[in-house]
Amino acid sequence: MQILTDSLQATIKHVLCGSQLFDHSVVVASPGRSGSTVLYDTLTESFDRHPRWLRANAWNLESAEFRKGLIYKTHSPAKPLPLGVRSLYVYRTPAEIVHSTLKMIDTVGPAWGKSHCEHLLPHKAPIQVDRLRSGLQTSDLLDIHGNLKTWLECSNSVLFLKYEAMWDHQEKISDFVGFPVELPQYRASKTVGEVEGYAAYLDLYNSLPDMHAI
């Protein structure tokens, strides 16, 4: 059982951290297993302060409370966010997302798969892990397409980044978040075959530039 809510943890960090390092909130969003952790870790390690004092989660954006000077991670569909919140959305091909998700379930175990489903679909009934394994490769069971679409259609300040292109746009990322960002060395992903059931997402993905802001 989670003793402290994400919001309460963020409040405690906000108080204990003292002076703010930047006067806004930053949200790193993605449809899950898309490389957002690389960006999130980089942002929270950009200062001479332990990353844990800058990290916060907002798995359910509808109930999240945002504090200036904190960096949040989410896989939630987009929701209207307060002024002063700057969001970065990282995405990659459905084949890479599916392959990475199944690999994590095999490596970490079913409990991770259950938690991942809850983070992606906070408003829906839990998906059984057995159904996740069997259905993920043939249908958009986690609504990856819907997740991306909600962020593209939202009114928030968002910088969209294809995972492989982040390294080519580090200056733009720095300008957007308001502090210098230097990503670790790029590591290419293994080539994986396409998967069924993701035509809508793939068409949308292929139609987008490597980086754009709304």
C-alpha atoms as a PDB file:
ATOM      1  CA  MET A   1       0.000   0.000   0.000  1.00  0.00           C
ATOM      2  CA  GLN A   2       1.283   3.437  -0.884  1.00  0.00           C
ATOM      3  CA  ILE A   3       1.587   5.274   2.434  1.00  0.00           C
ATOM      4  CA  LEU A   4       2.088   8.741   0.955  1.00  0.00           C
ATOM      5  CA  THR A   5       0.155   9.918  -2.073  1.00  0.00           C
ATOM      6  CA  ASP A   6       2.100  11.300  -5.016  1.00  0.00           C
ATOM      7  CA  SER A   7       0.707  14.752  -4.260  1.00  0.00           C
ATOM      8  CA  LEU A   8       1.760  14.621  -0.595  1.00  0.00           C
ATOM      9  CA  GLN A   9       5.238  13.410  -1.513  1.00  0.00           C
ATOM     10  CA  ALA A  10       5.583  16.312  -3.955  1.00  0.00           C
ATOM     11  CA  THR A  11       4.487  18.781  -1.265  1.00  0.00           C
ATOM     12  CA  ILE A  12       7.046  17.439   1.219  1.00  0.00           C
ATOM     13  CA  LYS A  13       9.824  17.667  -1.377  1.00  0.00           C
ATOM     14  CA  HIS A  14       8.737  21.192  -2.261  1.00  0.00           C
ATOM     15  CA  VAL A  15       9.044  22.264   1.383  1.00  0.00           C
ATOM     16  CA  LEU A  16      12.276  20.420   2.203  1.00  0.00           C
ATOM     17  CA  CYS A  17      14.002  21.367  -1.018  1.00  0.00           C
ATOM     18  CA  GLY A  18      14.039  25.029  -0.063  1.00  0.00           C
ATOM     19  CA  SER A  19      14.762  27.443  -2.888  1.00  0.00           C
ATOM     20  CA  GLN A  20      13.278  26.608  -6.277  1.00  0.00           C
ATOM     21  CA  LEU A  21      15.704  25.910  -9.095  1.00  0.00           C
ATOM     22  CA  PHE A  22      13.155  27.049 -11.696  1.00  0.00           C
ATOM     23  CA  ASP A  23       9.840  28.877 -11.373  1.00  0.00           C
ATOM     24  CA  HIS A  24       7.558  26.418 -13.141  1.00  0.00           C
ATOM     25  CA  SER A  25       6.644  22.718 -13.207  1.00  0.00           C
ATOM     26  CA  VAL A  26       7.861  20.276 -15.853  1.00  0.00           C
ATOM     27  CA  VAL A  27       5.955  17.154 -16.925  1.00  0.00           C
ATOM     28  CA  VAL A  28       7.560  14.338 -18.917  1.00  0.00           C
ATOM     29  CA  ALA A  29       4.758  12.352 -20.563  1.00  0.00           C
ATOM     30  CA  SER A  30       4.648   9.344 -22.856  1.00  0.00           C
ATOM     31  CA  PRO A  31       2.477   6.359 -23.780  1.00  0.00           C
ATOM     32  CA  GLY A  32       4.845   4.173 -21.758  1.00  0.00           C
ATOM     33  CA  ARG A  33       8.010   2.284 -22.765  1.00  0.00           C
ATOM     34  CA  SER A  34       8.825   5.115 -25.164  1.00  0.00           C
ATOM     35  CA  GLY A  35      12.111   6.379 -23.775  1.00  0.00           C
ATOM     36  CA  SER A  36      10.654   9.013 -21.488  1.00  0.00           C
ATOM     37  CA  THR A  37      12.689   7.701 -18.533  1.00  0.00           C
ATOM     38  CA  VAL A  38      15.898   8.744 -20.297  1.00  0.00           C
ATOM     39  CA  LEU A  39      14.613  12.317 -20.582  1.00  0.00           C
ATOM     40  CA  TYR A  40      13.117  12.327 -17.074  1.00  0.00           C
ATOM     41  CA  ASP A  41      16.366  11.110 -15.506  1.00  0.00           C
ATOM     42  CA  THR A  42      18.378  13.656 -17.483  1.00  0.00           C
ATOM     43  CA  LEU A  43      16.175  16.562 -16.398  1.00  0.00           C
ATOM     44  CA  THR A  44      16.255  15.590 -12.722  1.00  0.00           C
ATOM     45  CA  GLU A  45      20.041  15.153 -12.827  1.00  0.00           C
ATOM     46  CA  SER A  46      20.672  18.559 -14.403  1.00  0.00           C
ATOM     47  CA  PHE A  47      21.352  20.323 -11.101  1.00  0.00           C
ATOM     48  CA  ASP A  48      23.814  20.120  -8.232  1.00  0.00           C
ATOM     49  CA  ARG A  49      21.169  18.546  -6.047  1.00  0.00           C
ATOM     50  CA  HIS A  50      20.141  14.924  -5.507  1.00  0.00           C
ATOM     51  CA  PRO A  51      17.597  13.971  -8.210  1.00  0.00           C
ATOM     52  CA  ARG A  52      15.116  12.661  -5.656  1.00  0.00           C
ATOM     53  CA  TRP A  53      14.386  16.226  -4.519  1.00  0.00           C
ATOM     54  CA  LEU A  54      13.229  17.134  -8.023  1.00  0.00           C
ATOM     55  CA  ARG A  55      11.312  13.963  -8.934  1.00  0.00           C
ATOM     56  CA  ALA A  56       7.558  13.550  -8.636  1.00  0.00           C
ATOM     57  CA  ASN A  57       4.878  11.369 -10.234  1.00  0.00           C
ATOM     58  CA  ALA A  58       1.537  12.420 -11.673  1.00  0.00           C
ATOM     59  CA  TRP A  59       0.137   9.119 -12.882  1.00  0.00           C
ATOM     60  CA  ASN A  60      -3.401  10.519 -12.792  1.00  0.00           C
ATOM     61  CA  LEU A  61      -3.309  14.051 -14.183  1.00  0.00           C
ATOM     62  CA  GLU A  62      -6.926  14.653 -13.232  1.00  0.00           C
ATOM     63  CA  SER A  63      -6.079  14.612  -9.520  1.00  0.00           C
ATOM     64  CA  ALA A  64      -2.458  15.784  -9.653  1.00  0.00           C
ATOM     65  CA  GLU A  65      -1.263  18.923  -7.900  1.00  0.00           C
ATOM     66  CA  PHE A  66       1.772  20.675  -9.341  1.00  0.00           C
ATOM     67  CA  ARG A  67       4.556  22.465  -7.472  1.00  0.00           C
ATOM     68  CA  LYS A  68       7.044  24.858  -9.010  1.00  0.00           C
ATOM     69  CA  GLY A  69      10.565  23.498  -9.194  1.00  0.00           C
ATOM     70  CA  LEU A  70       9.525  19.835  -9.521  1.00  0.00           C
ATOM     71  CA  ILE A  71       9.700  17.495 -12.511  1.00  0.00           C
ATOM     72  CA  TYR A  72       6.824  15.049 -12.938  1.00  0.00           C
ATOM     73  CA  LYS A  73       6.494  11.828 -14.910  1.00  0.00           C
ATOM     74  CA  THR A  74       3.209  10.526 -16.301  1.00  0.00           C
ATOM     75  CA  HIS A  75       1.690   8.075 -18.767  1.00  0.00           C
ATOM     76  CA  SER A  76      -1.781   9.517 -18.256  1.00  0.00           C
ATOM     77  CA  PRO A  77      -3.907  10.800 -21.127  1.00  0.00           C
ATOM     78  CA  ALA A  78      -3.726  14.574 -21.376  1.00  0.00           C
ATOM     79  CA  LYS A  79      -5.809  16.772 -19.091  1.00  0.00           C
ATOM     80  CA  PRO A  80      -5.945  20.578 -18.878  1.00  0.00           C
ATOM     81  CA  LEU A  81      -2.949  21.660 -16.811  1.00  0.00           C
ATOM     82  CA  PRO A  82      -2.395  24.883 -14.843  1.00  0.00           C
ATOM     83  CA  LEU A  83      -0.448  27.790 -16.278  1.00  0.00           C
ATOM     84  CA  GLY A  84       3.234  27.401 -15.528  1.00  0.00           C
ATOM     85  CA  VAL A  85       3.333  23.682 -16.354  1.00  0.00           C
ATOM     86  CA  ARG A  86       5.541  22.783 -19.311  1.00  0.00           C
ATOM     87  CA  SER A  87       5.085  19.289 -20.755  1.00  0.00           C
ATOM     88  CA  LEU A  88       7.337  17.187 -22.956  1.00  0.00           C
ATOM     89  CA  TYR A  89       5.804  14.196 -24.726  1.00  0.00           C
ATOM     90  CA  VAL A  90       8.093  11.380 -25.923  1.00  0.00           C
ATOM     91  CA  TYR A  91       6.886   8.700 -28.323  1.00  0.00           C
ATOM     92  CA  ARG A  92       8.240   5.935 -30.552  1.00  0.00           C
ATOM     93  CA  THR A  93       6.948   3.230 -32.912  1.00  0.00           C
ATOM     94  CA  PRO A  94       4.273   0.801 -31.676  1.00  0.00           C
ATOM     95  CA  ALA A  95       6.569  -2.168 -32.378  1.00  0.00           C
ATOM     96  CA  GLU A  96       9.207  -0.724 -30.048  1.00  0.00           C
ATOM     97  CA  ILE A  97       6.615   0.031 -27.352  1.00  0.00           C
ATOM     98  CA  VAL A  98       5.096  -3.469 -27.512  1.00  0.00           C
ATOM     99  CA  HIS A  99       8.465  -5.221 -27.581  1.00  0.00           C
ATOM    100  CA  SER A 100       9.723  -3.195 -24.618  1.00  0.00           C
ATOM    101  CA  THR A 101       6.519  -3.765 -22.612  1.00  0.00           C
ATOM    102  CA  LEU A 102       6.571  -7.538 -23.087  1.00  0.00           C
ATOM    103  CA  LYS A 103      10.287  -7.674 -22.279  1.00  0.00           C
ATOM    104  CA  MET A 104       9.693  -5.813 -19.014  1.00  0.00           C
ATOM    105  CA  ILE A 105       6.878  -8.183 -18.038  1.00  0.00           C
ATOM    106  CA  ASP A 106       9.173 -11.147 -18.707  1.00  0.00           C
ATOM    107  CA  THR A 107      12.079  -9.566 -16.816  1.00  0.00           C
ATOM    108  CA  VAL A 108      10.387  -7.896 -13.845  1.00  0.00           C
ATOM    109  CA  GLY A 109       7.209  -9.947 -13.530  1.00  0.00           C
ATOM    110  CA  PRO A 110       3.409  -9.646 -13.700  1.00  0.00           C
ATOM    111  CA  ALA A 111       3.235  -7.078 -10.868  1.00  0.00           C
ATOM    112  CA  TRP A 112       5.068  -4.574 -13.070  1.00  0.00           C
ATOM    113  CA  GLY A 113       2.614  -5.229 -15.895  1.00  0.00           C
ATOM    114  CA  LYS A 114      -0.341  -4.573 -13.595  1.00  0.00           C
ATOM    115  CA  SER A 115       1.190  -1.316 -12.345  1.00  0.00           C
ATOM    116  CA  HIS A 116       2.019  -0.225 -15.915  1.00  0.00           C
ATOM    117  CA  CYS A 117      -1.610  -0.755 -16.964  1.00  0.00           C
ATOM    118  CA  GLU A 118      -2.844   1.322 -14.036  1.00  0.00           C
ATOM    119  CA  HIS A 119      -0.497   4.187 -14.929  1.00  0.00           C
ATOM    120  CA  LEU A 120      -1.570   4.174 -18.570  1.00  0.00           C
ATOM    121  CA  LEU A 121      -5.294   3.744 -17.940  1.00  0.00           C
ATOM    122  CA  PRO A 122      -5.996   5.370 -14.560  1.00  0.00           C
ATOM    123  CA  HIS A 123      -9.735   5.717 -15.196  1.00  0.00           C
ATOM    124  CA  LYS A 124     -10.440   2.192 -16.477  1.00  0.00           C
ATOM    125  CA  ALA A 125     -10.826  -1.214 -14.870  1.00  0.00           C
ATOM    126  CA  PRO A 126      -7.514  -3.076 -14.426  1.00  0.00           C
ATOM    127  CA  ILE A 127      -6.370  -5.266 -17.305  1.00  0.00           C
ATOM    128  CA  GLN A 128      -5.378  -8.798 -16.355  1.00  0.00           C
ATOM    129  CA  VAL A 129      -1.715  -9.433 -17.142  1.00  0.00           C
ATOM    130  CA  ASP A 130      -2.523 -12.663 -19.019  1.00  0.00           C
ATOM    131  CA  ARG A 131      -4.851 -10.700 -21.300  1.00  0.00           C
ATOM    132  CA  LEU A 132      -2.177  -8.025 -21.687  1.00  0.00           C
ATOM    133  CA  ARG A 133       0.380 -10.555 -22.912  1.00  0.00           C
ATOM    134  CA  SER A 134      -1.987 -12.188 -25.399  1.00  0.00           C
ATOM    135  CA  GLY A 135      -3.701  -9.035 -26.656  1.00  0.00           C
ATOM    136  CA  LEU A 136      -0.896  -6.503 -26.769  1.00  0.00           C
ATOM    137  CA  GLN A 137       0.514  -7.789 -30.040  1.00  0.00           C
ATOM    138  CA  THR A 138      -2.771  -7.834 -31.942  1.00  0.00           C
ATOM    139  CA  SER A 139      -4.691  -4.814 -30.650  1.00  0.00           C
ATOM    140  CA  ASP A 140      -4.010  -1.434 -29.090  1.00  0.00           C
ATOM    141  CA  LEU A 141      -4.974  -2.808 -25.693  1.00  0.00           C
ATOM    142  CA  LEU A 142      -3.343   0.039 -23.773  1.00  0.00           C
ATOM    143  CA  ASP A 143      -4.841   2.760 -26.020  1.00  0.00           C
ATOM    144  CA  ILE A 144      -1.434   4.028 -27.110  1.00  0.00           C
ATOM    145  CA  HIS A 145      -3.030   5.758 -30.094  1.00  0.00           C
ATOM    146  CA  GLY A 146      -5.628   7.425 -27.886  1.00  0.00           C
ATOM    147  CA  ASN A 147      -2.957   8.584 -25.448  1.00  0.00           C
ATOM    148  CA  LEU A 148      -0.949  10.342 -28.142  1.00  0.00           C
ATOM    149  CA  LYS A 149      -4.103  11.828 -29.679  1.00  0.00           C
ATOM    150  CA  THR A 150      -5.233  13.399 -26.375  1.00  0.00           C
ATOM    151  CA  TRP A 151      -1.889  15.165 -26.025  1.00  0.00           C
ATOM    152  CA  LEU A 152      -1.936  16.419 -29.606  1.00  0.00           C
ATOM    153  CA  GLU A 153      -5.431  17.839 -29.101  1.00  0.00           C
ATOM    154  CA  CYS A 154      -4.898  19.376 -25.648  1.00  0.00           C
ATOM    155  CA  SER A 155      -4.479  23.092 -24.948  1.00  0.00           C
ATOM    156  CA  ASN A 156      -1.396  22.649 -22.763  1.00  0.00           C
ATOM    157  CA  SER A 157       2.106  23.874 -23.587  1.00  0.00           C
ATOM    158  CA  VAL A 158       3.698  20.714 -25.008  1.00  0.00           C
ATOM    159  CA  LEU A 159       6.944  19.900 -26.800  1.00  0.00           C
ATOM    160  CA  PHE A 160       6.573  16.655 -28.787  1.00  0.00           C
ATOM    161  CA  LEU A 161       9.671  14.540 -29.410  1.00  0.00           C
ATOM    162  CA  LYS A 162      10.240  11.325 -31.286  1.00  0.00           C
ATOM    163  CA  TYR A 163      12.597   9.349 -29.080  1.00  0.00           C
ATOM    164  CA  GLU A 164      15.392   8.959 -31.650  1.00  0.00           C
ATOM    165  CA  ALA A 165      15.278  12.690 -32.426  1.00  0.00           C
ATOM    166  CA  MET A 166      15.757  13.949 -28.852  1.00  0.00           C
ATOM    167  CA  TRP A 167      19.532  14.026 -29.257  1.00  0.00           C
ATOM    168  CA  ASP A 168      19.216  16.325 -32.279  1.00  0.00           C
ATOM    169  CA  HIS A 169      17.097  18.835 -30.362  1.00  0.00           C
ATOM    170  CA  GLN A 170      18.817  19.218 -26.992  1.00  0.00           C
ATOM    171  CA  GLU A 171      19.073  22.980 -27.401  1.00  0.00           C
ATOM    172  CA  LYS A 172      15.335  23.238 -28.069  1.00  0.00           C
ATOM    173  CA  ILE A 173      14.600  21.042 -25.047  1.00  0.00           C
ATOM    174  CA  SER A 174      16.820  23.278 -22.903  1.00  0.00           C
ATOM    175  CA  ASP A 175      15.053  26.413 -24.114  1.00  0.00           C
ATOM    176  CA  PHE A 176      11.656  24.847 -23.472  1.00  0.00           C
ATOM    177  CA  VAL A 177      12.292  23.671 -19.890  1.00  0.00           C
ATOM    178  CA  GLY A 178      14.355  26.749 -18.979  1.00  0.00           C
ATOM    179  CA  PHE A 179      17.628  25.116 -17.959  1.00  0.00           C
ATOM    180  CA  PRO A 180      20.544  23.348 -19.724  1.00  0.00           C
ATOM    181  CA  VAL A 181      19.887  19.731 -20.704  1.00  0.00           C
ATOM    182  CA  GLU A 182      22.549  17.268 -21.847  1.00  0.00           C
ATOM    183  CA  LEU A 183      21.323  13.783 -22.711  1.00  0.00           C
ATOM    184  CA  PRO A 184      23.538  10.722 -22.213  1.00  0.00           C
ATOM    185  CA  GLN A 185      25.105   9.096 -25.242  1.00  0.00           C
ATOM    186  CA  TYR A 186      22.504   7.763 -27.661  1.00  0.00           C
ATOM    187  CA  ARG A 187      22.053   3.996 -27.717  1.00  0.00           C
ATOM    188  CA  ALA A 188      20.209   2.662 -30.731  1.00  0.00           C
ATOM    189  CA  SER A 189      17.388   0.216 -30.069  1.00  0.00           C
ATOM    190  CA  LYS A 190      17.324  -3.240 -31.585  1.00  0.00           C
ATOM    191  CA  THR A 191      15.278  -3.480 -34.753  1.00  0.00           C
ATOM    192  CA  VAL A 192      11.959  -5.208 -34.107  1.00  0.00           C
ATOM    193  CA  GLY A 193       9.290  -6.345 -36.515  1.00  0.00           C
ATOM    194  CA  GLU A 194       5.975  -4.553 -36.909  1.00  0.00           C
ATOM    195  CA  VAL A 195       2.957  -5.642 -34.891  1.00  0.00           C
ATOM    196  CA  GLU A 196      -0.696  -5.970 -35.839  1.00  0.00           C
ATOM    197  CA  GLY A 197      -3.459  -3.768 -34.525  1.00  0.00           C
ATOM    198  CA  TYR A 198      -1.594  -0.444 -34.446  1.00  0.00           C
ATOM    199  CA  ALA A 199      -2.254   0.971 -37.911  1.00  0.00           C
ATOM    200  CA  ALA A 200      -3.974   4.108 -36.565  1.00  0.00           C
ATOM    201  CA  TYR A 201      -1.135   4.876 -34.173  1.00  0.00           C
ATOM    202  CA  LEU A 202       1.559   4.170 -36.753  1.00  0.00           C
ATOM    203  CA  ASP A 203      -0.125   6.374 -39.352  1.00  0.00           C
ATOM    204  CA  LEU A 204      -0.348   9.214 -36.827  1.00  0.00           C
ATOM    205  CA  TYR A 205       3.244   8.646 -35.675  1.00  0.00           C
ATOM    206  CA  ASN A 206       4.583   8.727 -39.235  1.00  0.00           C
ATOM    207  CA  SER A 207       2.694  11.947 -39.996  1.00  0.00           C
ATOM    208  CA  LEU A 208       4.419  13.902 -37.216  1.00  0.00           C
ATOM    209  CA  PRO A 209       7.740  15.736 -37.461  1.00  0.00           C
ATOM    210  CA  ASP A 210      10.637  14.647 -35.249  1.00  0.00           C
ATOM    211  CA  MET A 211       9.996  17.612 -32.961  1.00  0.00           C
ATOM    212  CA  HIS A 212       7.224  20.179 -32.728  1.00  0.00           C
ATOM    213  CA  ALA A 213       5.574  22.334 -30.079  1.00  0.00           C
ATOM    214  CA  ILE A 214       2.016  23.422 -29.405  1.00  0.00           C
END
